[in-house]
Amino acid sequence: MRVVFSRNGDGRVSVIYPVETAINPKTGKIFTIEEIAKKDVPTGLKYKIVEDSEIPDDQTFRDAWRVDLADLTDGVGE
């Protein structure tokens, strides 16, 4: 799973590639993707959790990746 958001609010995509073995010190368990998104997406920015397959393998034009801000519906960074 990956977390996508638009840092500048212009639709350009930022992608979080989480470390899937990081331990949440509050719970003593591995962070869930939702916990990672809430803590790592900048405060107040909306995000979407997506399957790995939704992120293009070819990153040649990654600066051109865009997201419809209306699709960022899974939460807001804290």
C-alpha atoms as a PDB file:
ATOM      1  CA  MET A   1       0.000   0.000   0.000  1.00  0.00           C
ATOM      2  CA  ARG A   2       1.048   3.586  -0.661  1.00  0.00           C
ATOM      3  CA  VAL A   3      -0.241   6.963   0.485  1.00  0.00           C
ATOM      4  CA  VAL A   4      -0.732   9.744  -2.061  1.00  0.00           C
ATOM      5  CA  PHE A   5      -1.418  13.413  -1.412  1.00  0.00           C
ATOM      6  CA  SER A   6      -0.888  16.762  -3.072  1.00  0.00           C
ATOM      7  CA  ARG A   7       1.634  18.821  -1.126  1.00  0.00           C
ATOM      8  CA  ASN A   8       1.006  22.029  -3.071  1.00  0.00           C
ATOM      9  CA  GLY A   9      -2.739  21.633  -3.625  1.00  0.00           C
ATOM     10  CA  ASP A  10      -2.187  21.794  -7.387  1.00  0.00           C
ATOM     11  CA  GLY A  11      -2.769  18.110  -8.066  1.00  0.00           C
ATOM     12  CA  ARG A  12       0.896  17.150  -8.300  1.00  0.00           C
ATOM     13  CA  VAL A  13       1.329  13.884  -6.435  1.00  0.00           C
ATOM     14  CA  SER A  14       3.525  13.121  -3.468  1.00  0.00           C
ATOM     15  CA  VAL A  15       3.832   9.427  -2.588  1.00  0.00           C
ATOM     16  CA  ILE A  16       4.699   7.881   0.763  1.00  0.00           C
ATOM     17  CA  TYR A  17       6.380   4.471   0.534  1.00  0.00           C
ATOM     18  CA  PRO A  18       5.969   3.223   4.115  1.00  0.00           C
ATOM     19  CA  VAL A  19       8.420   1.020   5.965  1.00  0.00           C
ATOM     20  CA  GLU A  20       6.272  -1.944   6.823  1.00  0.00           C
ATOM     21  CA  THR A  21       8.263  -2.996   9.872  1.00  0.00           C
ATOM     22  CA  ALA A  22       8.316   0.270  11.842  1.00  0.00           C
ATOM     23  CA  ILE A  23       6.977  -0.149  15.375  1.00  0.00           C
ATOM     24  CA  ASN A  24       4.475   2.331  16.786  1.00  0.00           C
ATOM     25  CA  PRO A  25       5.868   3.219  20.232  1.00  0.00           C
ATOM     26  CA  LYS A  26       2.342   3.921  21.535  1.00  0.00           C
ATOM     27  CA  THR A  27       1.030   0.434  20.740  1.00  0.00           C
ATOM     28  CA  GLY A  28       4.179  -1.682  20.474  1.00  0.00           C
ATOM     29  CA  LYS A  29       2.834  -3.034  17.175  1.00  0.00           C
ATOM     30  CA  ILE A  30       3.738  -2.368  13.547  1.00  0.00           C
ATOM     31  CA  PHE A  31       2.239   0.889  12.278  1.00  0.00           C
ATOM     32  CA  THR A  32      -0.890   0.423  10.177  1.00  0.00           C
ATOM     33  CA  ILE A  33      -1.066   2.201   6.826  1.00  0.00           C
ATOM     34  CA  GLU A  34      -3.703   4.508   8.316  1.00  0.00           C
ATOM     35  CA  GLU A  35      -1.412   5.442  11.230  1.00  0.00           C
ATOM     36  CA  ILE A  36       1.448   6.107   8.829  1.00  0.00           C
ATOM     37  CA  ALA A  37      -0.730   8.324   6.646  1.00  0.00           C
ATOM     38  CA  LYS A  38      -2.025  10.382   9.573  1.00  0.00           C
ATOM     39  CA  LYS A  39       1.444  10.975  11.011  1.00  0.00           C
ATOM     40  CA  ASP A  40       3.421  11.449   7.788  1.00  0.00           C
ATOM     41  CA  VAL A  41       1.066  13.445   5.554  1.00  0.00           C
ATOM     42  CA  PRO A  42       1.517  17.136   6.420  1.00  0.00           C
ATOM     43  CA  THR A  43      -1.077  18.564   8.789  1.00  0.00           C
ATOM     44  CA  GLY A  44      -4.353  19.451   7.126  1.00  0.00           C
ATOM     45  CA  LEU A  45      -3.643  17.795   3.769  1.00  0.00           C
ATOM     46  CA  LYS A  46      -6.041  15.173   2.439  1.00  0.00           C
ATOM     47  CA  TYR A  47      -4.719  11.794   1.335  1.00  0.00           C
ATOM     48  CA  LYS A  48      -5.684   8.535  -0.336  1.00  0.00           C
ATOM     49  CA  ILE A  49      -4.367   5.043   0.412  1.00  0.00           C
ATOM     50  CA  VAL A  50      -3.804   3.132  -2.832  1.00  0.00           C
ATOM     51  CA  GLU A  51      -2.559  -0.255  -3.977  1.00  0.00           C
ATOM     52  CA  ASP A  52       1.081  -0.454  -5.053  1.00  0.00           C
ATOM     53  CA  SER A  53      -0.089  -1.247  -8.584  1.00  0.00           C
ATOM     54  CA  GLU A  54      -1.698   2.201  -8.884  1.00  0.00           C
ATOM     55  CA  ILE A  55       1.741   3.860  -8.729  1.00  0.00           C
ATOM     56  CA  PRO A  56       3.532   3.745 -12.110  1.00  0.00           C
ATOM     57  CA  ASP A  57       6.730   1.667 -12.159  1.00  0.00           C
ATOM     58  CA  ASP A  58       8.354   4.062 -14.620  1.00  0.00           C
ATOM     59  CA  GLN A  59       9.257   7.161 -12.655  1.00  0.00           C
ATOM     60  CA  THR A  60      10.757   9.020 -15.621  1.00  0.00           C
ATOM     61  CA  PHE A  61       7.908  11.532 -15.648  1.00  0.00           C
ATOM     62  CA  ARG A  62       7.009  11.414 -11.935  1.00  0.00           C
ATOM     63  CA  ASP A  63       6.907  15.225 -11.766  1.00  0.00           C
ATOM     64  CA  ALA A  64       3.973  15.063 -14.191  1.00  0.00           C
ATOM     65  CA  TRP A  65       1.885  12.700 -12.026  1.00  0.00           C
ATOM     66  CA  ARG A  66      -1.417  14.297 -11.025  1.00  0.00           C
ATOM     67  CA  VAL A  67      -4.326  13.418  -8.750  1.00  0.00           C
ATOM     68  CA  ASP A  68      -7.834  14.820  -8.656  1.00  0.00           C
ATOM     69  CA  LEU A  69      -8.023  16.474  -5.238  1.00  0.00           C
ATOM     70  CA  ALA A  70     -11.623  15.257  -4.917  1.00  0.00           C
ATOM     71  CA  ASP A  71     -10.271  11.664  -4.883  1.00  0.00           C
ATOM     72  CA  LEU A  72      -8.223  12.259  -1.705  1.00  0.00           C
ATOM     73  CA  THR A  73     -10.905  10.899   0.602  1.00  0.00           C
ATOM     74  CA  ASP A  74      -9.237   8.539   3.087  1.00  0.00           C
ATOM     75  CA  GLY A  75      -8.228  11.097   5.696  1.00  0.00           C
ATOM     76  CA  VAL A  76      -6.301  14.217   6.642  1.00  0.00           C
ATOM     77  CA  GLY A  77      -2.762  14.494   7.924  1.00  0.00           C
ATOM     78  CA  GLU A  78      -2.422  15.345  11.592  1.00  0.00           C
END
